[in-house]
Amino acid sequence: MIVLAVMALPLRLVWDLRIDRKQKTGLAGIFLLGLVDVVFAIVRVVETSASAHHVDVVWLGLWSMIEASVCELSAIVGSSLNPSADMI
């Protein structure tokens, strides 16, 4: 629960920035993708710990791949919004 609160903290700061609404929406979207990634991680941990004796490998692999894909997507989108990234 604390992780979700920490992920929601920057959203308030984003709306106080002096940038146009399109950039604010993009930044908020990146933070929300991170929040979705946390939700997928929580689902994966809950489902894994719920079955004490048998863990379905396919289910674990599916949620792990979804979590990694959303995390990678948020990193790619975040780096593409940075104008100084073109200089590298």
PDB file of N, CA and C in Angstrom:
ATOM      1  N   MET A   1       0.810  -1.187   0.000  1.00  0.00           N
ATOM      2  CA  MET A   1       0.000   0.000   0.000  1.00  0.00           C
ATOM      3  C   MET A   1       0.858   1.257   0.000  1.00  0.00           C
ATOM      4  N   ILE A   2       1.995   1.186   0.686  1.00  0.00           N
ATOM      5  CA  ILE A   2       2.899   2.327   0.734  1.00  0.00           C
ATOM      6  C   ILE A   2       3.480   2.598  -0.647  1.00  0.00           C
ATOM      7  N   VAL A   3       3.741   1.538  -1.409  1.00  0.00           N
ATOM      8  CA  VAL A   3       4.281   1.704  -2.753  1.00  0.00           C
ATOM      9  C   VAL A   3       3.304   2.483  -3.624  1.00  0.00           C
ATOM     10  N   LEU A   4       2.019   2.187  -3.506  1.00  0.00           N
ATOM     11  CA  LEU A   4       1.024   2.908  -4.294  1.00  0.00           C
ATOM     12  C   LEU A   4       0.966   4.379  -3.896  1.00  0.00           C
ATOM     13  N   ALA A   5       1.121   4.667  -2.613  1.00  0.00           N
ATOM     14  CA  ALA A   5       1.121   6.059  -2.165  1.00  0.00           C
ATOM     15  C   ALA A   5       2.351   6.799  -2.682  1.00  0.00           C
ATOM     16  N   VAL A   6       3.486   6.135  -2.680  1.00  0.00           N
ATOM     17  CA  VAL A   6       4.712   6.747  -3.191  1.00  0.00           C
ATOM     18  C   VAL A   6       4.609   6.981  -4.696  1.00  0.00           C
ATOM     19  N   MET A   7       3.960   6.071  -5.413  1.00  0.00           N
ATOM     20  CA  MET A   7       3.786   6.244  -6.857  1.00  0.00           C
ATOM     21  C   MET A   7       2.811   7.385  -7.157  1.00  0.00           C
ATOM     22  N   ALA A   8       1.872   7.644  -6.271  1.00  0.00           N
ATOM     23  CA  ALA A   8       0.882   8.689  -6.508  1.00  0.00           C
ATOM     24  C   ALA A   8       1.406  10.076  -6.127  1.00  0.00           C
ATOM     25  N   LEU A   9       2.460  10.160  -5.334  1.00  0.00           N
ATOM     26  CA  LEU A   9       3.001  11.450  -4.918  1.00  0.00           C
ATOM     27  C   LEU A   9       3.412  12.346  -6.085  1.00  0.00           C
ATOM     28  N   PRO A  10       4.136  11.850  -7.080  1.00  0.00           N
ATOM     29  CA  PRO A  10       4.559  12.739  -8.168  1.00  0.00           C
ATOM     30  C   PRO A  10       3.401  13.256  -9.016  1.00  0.00           C
ATOM     31  N   LEU A  11       2.256  12.598  -9.003  1.00  0.00           N
ATOM     32  CA  LEU A  11       1.136  13.060  -9.816  1.00  0.00           C
ATOM     33  C   LEU A  11       0.689  14.453  -9.390  1.00  0.00           C
ATOM     34  N   ARG A  12       0.682  14.718  -8.101  1.00  0.00           N
ATOM     35  CA  ARG A  12       0.304  16.048  -7.619  1.00  0.00           C
ATOM     36  C   ARG A  12       1.346  17.079  -8.053  1.00  0.00           C
ATOM     37  N   LEU A  13       2.610  16.693  -8.026  1.00  0.00           N
ATOM     38  CA  LEU A  13       3.667  17.616  -8.440  1.00  0.00           C
ATOM     39  C   LEU A  13       3.606  17.906  -9.935  1.00  0.00           C
ATOM     40  N   VAL A  14       3.202  16.917 -10.720  1.00  0.00           N
ATOM     41  CA  VAL A  14       3.106  17.109 -12.170  1.00  0.00           C
ATOM     42  C   VAL A  14       2.079  18.179 -12.495  1.00  0.00           C
ATOM     43  N   TRP A  15       0.952  18.167 -11.812  1.00  0.00           N
ATOM     44  CA  TRP A  15      -0.097  19.144 -12.116  1.00  0.00           C
ATOM     45  C   TRP A  15       0.283  20.548 -11.686  1.00  0.00           C
ATOM     46  N   ASP A  16       1.273  20.689 -10.795  1.00  0.00           N
ATOM     47  CA  ASP A  16       1.721  22.019 -10.383  1.00  0.00           C
ATOM     48  C   ASP A  16       2.824  22.580 -11.281  1.00  0.00           C
ATOM     49  N   LEU A  17       3.337  21.779 -12.209  1.00  0.00           N
ATOM     50  CA  LEU A  17       4.394  22.254 -13.101  1.00  0.00           C
ATOM     51  C   LEU A  17       3.858  23.297 -14.073  1.00  0.00           C
ATOM     52  N   ARG A  18       4.730  24.158 -14.512  1.00  0.00           N
ATOM     53  CA  ARG A  18       4.347  25.203 -15.470  1.00  0.00           C
ATOM     54  C   ARG A  18       4.677  24.761 -16.887  1.00  0.00           C
ATOM     55  N   ILE A  19       4.017  23.724 -17.320  1.00  0.00           N
ATOM     56  CA  ILE A  19       4.143  23.237 -18.688  1.00  0.00           C
ATOM     57  C   ILE A  19       2.738  23.078 -19.254  1.00  0.00           C
ATOM     58  N   ASP A  20       2.654  22.899 -20.575  1.00  0.00           N
ATOM     59  CA  ASP A  20       1.311  22.819 -21.167  1.00  0.00           C
ATOM     60  C   ASP A  20       0.622  21.507 -20.804  1.00  0.00           C
ATOM     61  N   ARG A  21      -0.672  21.497 -21.027  1.00  0.00           N
ATOM     62  CA  ARG A  21      -1.510  20.377 -20.601  1.00  0.00           C
ATOM     63  C   ARG A  21      -1.119  19.066 -21.299  1.00  0.00           C
ATOM     64  N   LYS A  22      -0.661  19.146 -22.530  1.00  0.00           N
ATOM     65  CA  LYS A  22      -0.272  17.938 -23.260  1.00  0.00           C
ATOM     66  C   LYS A  22       0.924  17.254 -22.587  1.00  0.00           C
ATOM     67  N   GLN A  23       1.910  18.045 -22.174  1.00  0.00           N
ATOM     68  CA  GLN A  23       3.073  17.473 -21.496  1.00  0.00           C
ATOM     69  C   GLN A  23       2.700  16.949 -20.108  1.00  0.00           C
ATOM     70  N   LYS A  24       1.815  17.655 -19.422  1.00  0.00           N
ATOM     71  CA  LYS A  24       1.366  17.174 -18.109  1.00  0.00           C
ATOM     72  C   LYS A  24       0.657  15.833 -18.231  1.00  0.00           C
ATOM     73  N   THR A  25      -0.179  15.718 -19.267  1.00  0.00           N
ATOM     74  CA  THR A  25      -0.896  14.459 -19.470  1.00  0.00           C
ATOM     75  C   THR A  25       0.076  13.329 -19.802  1.00  0.00           C
ATOM     76  N   GLY A  26       1.093  13.624 -20.591  1.00  0.00           N
ATOM     77  CA  GLY A  26       2.099  12.612 -20.919  1.00  0.00           C
ATOM     78  C   GLY A  26       2.876  12.153 -19.703  1.00  0.00           C
ATOM     79  N   LEU A  27       3.293  13.099 -18.870  1.00  0.00           N
ATOM     80  CA  LEU A  27       4.009  12.734 -17.644  1.00  0.00           C
ATOM     81  C   LEU A  27       3.129  11.929 -16.691  1.00  0.00           C
ATOM     82  N   ALA A  28       1.887  12.351 -16.559  1.00  0.00           N
ATOM     83  CA  ALA A  28       0.967  11.602 -15.688  1.00  0.00           C
ATOM     84  C   ALA A  28       0.747  10.200 -16.233  1.00  0.00           C
ATOM     85  N   GLY A  29       0.696  10.062 -17.559  1.00  0.00           N
ATOM     86  CA  GLY A  29       0.531   8.747 -18.169  1.00  0.00           C
ATOM     87  C   GLY A  29       1.700   7.823 -17.878  1.00  0.00           C
ATOM     88  N   ILE A  30       2.914   8.374 -17.885  1.00  0.00           N
ATOM     89  CA  ILE A  30       4.092   7.560 -17.570  1.00  0.00           C
ATOM     90  C   ILE A  30       4.043   7.090 -16.120  1.00  0.00           C
ATOM     91  N   PHE A  31       3.683   7.989 -15.213  1.00  0.00           N
ATOM     92  CA  PHE A  31       3.570   7.587 -13.812  1.00  0.00           C
ATOM     93  C   PHE A  31       2.455   6.559 -13.619  1.00  0.00           C
ATOM     94  N   LEU A  32       1.371   6.693 -14.360  1.00  0.00           N
ATOM     95  CA  LEU A  32       0.288   5.717 -14.250  1.00  0.00           C
ATOM     96  C   LEU A  32       0.683   4.362 -14.822  1.00  0.00           C
ATOM     97  N   LEU A  33       1.541   4.353 -15.858  1.00  0.00           N
ATOM     98  CA  LEU A  33       2.067   3.076 -16.352  1.00  0.00           C
ATOM     99  C   LEU A  33       2.901   2.396 -15.269  1.00  0.00           C
ATOM    100  N   GLY A  34       3.665   3.168 -14.536  1.00  0.00           N
ATOM    101  CA  GLY A  34       4.408   2.606 -13.405  1.00  0.00           C
ATOM    102  C   GLY A  34       3.484   2.059 -12.344  1.00  0.00           C
ATOM    103  N   LEU A  35       2.371   2.744 -12.125  1.00  0.00           N
ATOM    104  CA  LEU A  35       1.380   2.286 -11.156  1.00  0.00           C
ATOM    105  C   LEU A  35       0.732   0.980 -11.616  1.00  0.00           C
ATOM    106  N   VAL A  36       0.451   0.876 -12.903  1.00  0.00           N
ATOM    107  CA  VAL A  36      -0.104  -0.369 -13.463  1.00  0.00           C
ATOM    108  C   VAL A  36       0.905  -1.495 -13.297  1.00  0.00           C
ATOM    109  N   ASP A  37       2.193  -1.196 -13.474  1.00  0.00           N
ATOM    110  CA  ASP A  37       3.229  -2.206 -13.293  1.00  0.00           C
ATOM    111  C   ASP A  37       3.260  -2.705 -11.852  1.00  0.00           C
ATOM    112  N   VAL A  38       3.077  -1.816 -10.901  1.00  0.00           N
ATOM    113  CA  VAL A  38       3.031  -2.217  -9.490  1.00  0.00           C
ATOM    114  C   VAL A  38       1.825  -3.113  -9.229  1.00  0.00           C
ATOM    115  N   VAL A  39       0.694  -2.787  -9.837  1.00  0.00           N
ATOM    116  CA  VAL A  39      -0.510  -3.612  -9.673  1.00  0.00           C
ATOM    117  C   VAL A  39      -0.276  -5.017 -10.226  1.00  0.00           C
ATOM    118  N   PHE A  40       0.360  -5.122 -11.405  1.00  0.00           N
ATOM    119  CA  PHE A  40       0.665  -6.440 -11.965  1.00  0.00           C
ATOM    120  C   PHE A  40       1.613  -7.221 -11.058  1.00  0.00           C
ATOM    121  N   ALA A  41       2.584  -6.541 -10.468  1.00  0.00           N
ATOM    122  CA  ALA A  41       3.508  -7.215  -9.545  1.00  0.00           C
ATOM    123  C   ALA A  41       2.769  -7.718  -8.315  1.00  0.00           C
ATOM    124  N   ILE A  42       1.839  -6.930  -7.799  1.00  0.00           N
ATOM    125  CA  ILE A  42       1.064  -7.360  -6.627  1.00  0.00           C
ATOM    126  C   ILE A  42       0.209  -8.568  -6.970  1.00  0.00           C
ATOM    127  N   VAL A  43      -0.430  -8.554  -8.133  1.00  0.00           N
ATOM    128  CA  VAL A  43      -1.241  -9.708  -8.555  1.00  0.00           C
ATOM    129  C   VAL A  43      -0.368 -10.947  -8.661  1.00  0.00           C
ATOM    130  N   ARG A  44       0.811 -10.800  -9.237  1.00  0.00           N
ATOM    131  CA  ARG A  44       1.709 -11.952  -9.396  1.00  0.00           C
ATOM    132  C   ARG A  44       2.131 -12.510  -8.044  1.00  0.00           C
ATOM    133  N   VAL A  45       2.469 -11.642  -7.105  1.00  0.00           N
ATOM    134  CA  VAL A  45       2.905 -12.105  -5.779  1.00  0.00           C
ATOM    135  C   VAL A  45       1.756 -12.753  -5.029  1.00  0.00           C
ATOM    136  N   VAL A  46       0.568 -12.161  -5.102  1.00  0.00           N
ATOM    137  CA  VAL A  46      -0.587 -12.721  -4.399  1.00  0.00           C
ATOM    138  C   VAL A  46      -0.947 -14.090  -4.956  1.00  0.00           C
ATOM    139  N   GLU A  47      -0.964 -14.216  -6.267  1.00  0.00           N
ATOM    140  CA  GLU A  47      -1.305 -15.501  -6.880  1.00  0.00           C
ATOM    141  C   GLU A  47      -0.240 -16.560  -6.598  1.00  0.00           C
ATOM    142  N   THR A  48       1.005 -16.158  -6.524  1.00  0.00           N
ATOM    143  CA  THR A  48       2.078 -17.115  -6.242  1.00  0.00           C
ATOM    144  C   THR A  48       2.037 -17.561  -4.789  1.00  0.00           C
ATOM    145  N   SER A  49       1.796 -16.634  -3.882  1.00  0.00           N
ATOM    146  CA  SER A  49       1.792 -17.000  -2.467  1.00  0.00           C
ATOM    147  C   SER A  49       0.488 -17.671  -2.041  1.00  0.00           C
ATOM    148  N   ALA A  50      -0.578 -17.511  -2.838  1.00  0.00           N
ATOM    149  CA  ALA A  50      -1.858 -18.138  -2.491  1.00  0.00           C
ATOM    150  C   ALA A  50      -1.798 -19.649  -2.645  1.00  0.00           C
ATOM    151  N   SER A  51      -1.041 -20.101  -3.610  1.00  0.00           N
ATOM    152  CA  SER A  51      -0.912 -21.547  -3.808  1.00  0.00           C
ATOM    153  C   SER A  51       0.376 -22.004  -3.130  1.00  0.00           C
ATOM    154  N   ALA A  52       0.235 -22.553  -1.938  1.00  0.00           N
ATOM    155  CA  ALA A  52       1.390 -22.896  -1.117  1.00  0.00           C
ATOM    156  C   ALA A  52       2.169 -24.093  -1.667  1.00  0.00           C
ATOM    157  N   HIS A  53       1.467 -25.045  -2.289  1.00  0.00           N
ATOM    158  CA  HIS A  53       2.153 -26.267  -2.697  1.00  0.00           C
ATOM    159  C   HIS A  53       2.486 -26.303  -4.183  1.00  0.00           C
ATOM    160  N   HIS A  54       1.626 -25.722  -5.005  1.00  0.00           N
ATOM    161  CA  HIS A  54       1.838 -25.822  -6.440  1.00  0.00           C
ATOM    162  C   HIS A  54       1.710 -24.445  -7.089  1.00  0.00           C
ATOM    163  N   VAL A  55       2.768 -24.031  -7.737  1.00  0.00           N
ATOM    164  CA  VAL A  55       2.758 -22.764  -8.465  1.00  0.00           C
ATOM    165  C   VAL A  55       2.660 -23.080  -9.947  1.00  0.00           C
ATOM    166  N   ASP A  56       1.639 -22.519 -10.594  1.00  0.00           N
ATOM    167  CA  ASP A  56       1.466 -22.721 -12.025  1.00  0.00           C
ATOM    168  C   ASP A  56       2.518 -21.901 -12.757  1.00  0.00           C
ATOM    169  N   VAL A  57       3.426 -22.586 -13.422  1.00  0.00           N
ATOM    170  CA  VAL A  57       4.552 -21.934 -14.076  1.00  0.00           C
ATOM    171  C   VAL A  57       4.080 -21.053 -15.228  1.00  0.00           C
ATOM    172  N   VAL A  58       3.061 -21.500 -15.943  1.00  0.00           N
ATOM    173  CA  VAL A  58       2.539 -20.712 -17.063  1.00  0.00           C
ATOM    174  C   VAL A  58       1.934 -19.403 -16.540  1.00  0.00           C
ATOM    175  N   TRP A  59       1.159 -19.472 -15.478  1.00  0.00           N
ATOM    176  CA  TRP A  59       0.550 -18.285 -14.885  1.00  0.00           C
ATOM    177  C   TRP A  59       1.629 -17.321 -14.384  1.00  0.00           C
ATOM    178  N   LEU A  60       2.634 -17.858 -13.704  1.00  0.00           N
ATOM    179  CA  LEU A  60       3.724 -17.030 -13.200  1.00  0.00           C
ATOM    180  C   LEU A  60       4.494 -16.389 -14.347  1.00  0.00           C
ATOM    181  N   GLY A  61       4.753 -17.158 -15.385  1.00  0.00           N
ATOM    182  CA  GLY A  61       5.458 -16.617 -16.551  1.00  0.00           C
ATOM    183  C   GLY A  61       4.664 -15.541 -17.265  1.00  0.00           C
ATOM    184  N   LEU A  62       3.350 -15.755 -17.379  1.00  0.00           N
ATOM    185  CA  LEU A  62       2.496 -14.770 -18.034  1.00  0.00           C
ATOM    186  C   LEU A  62       2.510 -13.443 -17.291  1.00  0.00           C
ATOM    187  N   TRP A  63       2.293 -13.463 -15.992  1.00  0.00           N
ATOM    188  CA  TRP A  63       2.267 -12.220 -15.225  1.00  0.00           C
ATOM    189  C   TRP A  63       3.643 -11.571 -15.170  1.00  0.00           C
ATOM    190  N   SER A  64       4.700 -12.364 -15.140  1.00  0.00           N
ATOM    191  CA  SER A  64       6.050 -11.801 -15.153  1.00  0.00           C
ATOM    192  C   SER A  64       6.342 -11.112 -16.471  1.00  0.00           C
ATOM    193  N   MET A  65       5.895 -11.712 -17.585  1.00  0.00           N
ATOM    194  CA  MET A  65       6.103 -11.092 -18.890  1.00  0.00           C
ATOM    195  C   MET A  65       5.283  -9.819 -19.032  1.00  0.00           C
ATOM    196  N   ILE A  66       4.052  -9.820 -18.540  1.00  0.00           N
ATOM    197  CA  ILE A  66       3.226  -8.615 -18.596  1.00  0.00           C
ATOM    198  C   ILE A  66       3.868  -7.505 -17.777  1.00  0.00           C
ATOM    199  N   GLU A  67       4.330  -7.841 -16.584  1.00  0.00           N
ATOM    200  CA  GLU A  67       4.958  -6.846 -15.723  1.00  0.00           C
ATOM    201  C   GLU A  67       6.209  -6.258 -16.384  1.00  0.00           C
ATOM    202  N   ALA A  68       7.051  -7.117 -16.945  1.00  0.00           N
ATOM    203  CA  ALA A  68       8.273  -6.644 -17.596  1.00  0.00           C
ATOM    204  C   ALA A  68       7.959  -5.805 -18.830  1.00  0.00           C
ATOM    205  N   SER A  69       6.935  -6.183 -19.582  1.00  0.00           N
ATOM    206  CA  SER A  69       6.569  -5.431 -20.784  1.00  0.00           C
ATOM    207  C   SER A  69       6.049  -4.045 -20.445  1.00  0.00           C
ATOM    208  N   VAL A  70       5.219  -3.945 -19.427  1.00  0.00           N
ATOM    209  CA  VAL A  70       4.699  -2.630 -19.027  1.00  0.00           C
ATOM    210  C   VAL A  70       5.829  -1.760 -18.484  1.00  0.00           C
ATOM    211  N   CYS A  71       6.741  -2.356 -17.748  1.00  0.00           N
ATOM    212  CA  CYS A  71       7.885  -1.616 -17.217  1.00  0.00           C
ATOM    213  C   CYS A  71       8.767  -1.107 -18.361  1.00  0.00           C
ATOM    214  N   GLU A  72       9.012  -1.951 -19.333  1.00  0.00           N
ATOM    215  CA  GLU A  72       9.824  -1.551 -20.482  1.00  0.00           C
ATOM    216  C   GLU A  72       9.115  -0.476 -21.300  1.00  0.00           C
ATOM    217  N   LEU A  73       7.817  -0.604 -21.463  1.00  0.00           N
ATOM    218  CA  LEU A  73       7.041   0.387 -22.197  1.00  0.00           C
ATOM    219  C   LEU A  73       7.106   1.750 -21.519  1.00  0.00           C
ATOM    220  N   SER A  74       6.989   1.778 -20.198  1.00  0.00           N
ATOM    221  CA  SER A  74       7.059   3.061 -19.498  1.00  0.00           C
ATOM    222  C   SER A  74       8.455   3.665 -19.597  1.00  0.00           C
ATOM    223  N   ALA A  75       9.490   2.832 -19.612  1.00  0.00           N
ATOM    224  CA  ALA A  75      10.853   3.351 -19.768  1.00  0.00           C
ATOM    225  C   ALA A  75      11.074   3.918 -21.167  1.00  0.00           C
ATOM    226  N   ILE A  76      10.551   3.247 -22.189  1.00  0.00           N
ATOM    227  CA  ILE A  76      10.715   3.725 -23.555  1.00  0.00           C
ATOM    228  C   ILE A  76       9.952   5.019 -23.772  1.00  0.00           C
ATOM    229  N   VAL A  77       8.725   5.069 -23.297  1.00  0.00           N
ATOM    230  CA  VAL A  77       7.921   6.284 -23.464  1.00  0.00           C
ATOM    231  C   VAL A  77       8.549   7.433 -22.685  1.00  0.00           C
ATOM    232  N   GLY A  78       9.025   7.153 -21.498  1.00  0.00           N
ATOM    233  CA  GLY A  78       9.654   8.198 -20.689  1.00  0.00           C
ATOM    234  C   GLY A  78      10.907   8.752 -21.322  1.00  0.00           C
ATOM    235  N   SER A  79      11.710   7.897 -21.926  1.00  0.00           N
ATOM    236  CA  SER A  79      12.931   8.384 -22.551  1.00  0.00           C
ATOM    237  C   SER A  79      12.653   9.103 -23.864  1.00  0.00           C
ATOM    238  N   SER A  80      11.559   8.769 -24.522  1.00  0.00           N
ATOM    239  CA  SER A  80      11.255   9.453 -25.776  1.00  0.00           C
ATOM    240  C   SER A  80      10.690  10.848 -25.544  1.00  0.00           C
ATOM    241  N   LEU A  81      10.184  11.133 -24.346  1.00  0.00           N
ATOM    242  CA  LEU A  81       9.680  12.471 -24.037  1.00  0.00           C
ATOM    243  C   LEU A  81      10.783  13.435 -23.640  1.00  0.00           C
ATOM    244  N   ASN A  82      11.968  12.929 -23.394  1.00  0.00           N
ATOM    245  CA  ASN A  82      13.084  13.766 -22.955  1.00  0.00           C
ATOM    246  C   ASN A  82      13.768  14.364 -24.178  1.00  0.00           C
ATOM    247  N   PRO A  83      13.718  15.679 -24.363  1.00  0.00           N
ATOM    248  CA  PRO A  83      14.343  16.265 -25.536  1.00  0.00           C
ATOM    249  C   PRO A  83      15.852  16.152 -25.548  1.00  0.00           C
ATOM    250  N   SER A  84      16.490  16.009 -24.387  1.00  0.00           N
ATOM    251  CA  SER A  84      17.951  15.879 -24.360  1.00  0.00           C
ATOM    252  C   SER A  84      18.396  14.469 -24.742  1.00  0.00           C
ATOM    253  N   ALA A  85      17.458  13.533 -24.867  1.00  0.00           N
ATOM    254  CA  ALA A  85      17.818  12.175 -25.263  1.00  0.00           C
ATOM    255  C   ALA A  85      18.274  12.131 -26.711  1.00  0.00           C
ATOM    256  N   ASP A  86      17.879  13.106 -27.527  1.00  0.00           N
ATOM    257  CA  ASP A  86      18.308  13.150 -28.923  1.00  0.00           C
ATOM    258  C   ASP A  86      19.788  13.464 -29.053  1.00  0.00           C
ATOM    259  N   MET A  87      20.374  14.060 -28.037  1.00  0.00           N
ATOM    260  CA  MET A  87      21.768  14.441 -28.095  1.00  0.00           C
ATOM    261  C   MET A  87      22.707  13.269 -27.887  1.00  0.00           C
ATOM    262  N   ILE A  88      22.203  12.188 -27.338  1.00  0.00           N
ATOM    263  CA  ILE A  88      23.055  11.029 -27.018  1.00  0.00           C
ATOM    264  C   ILE A  88      23.263  10.180 -28.239  1.00  0.00           C
TER     265      ILE A  88
END
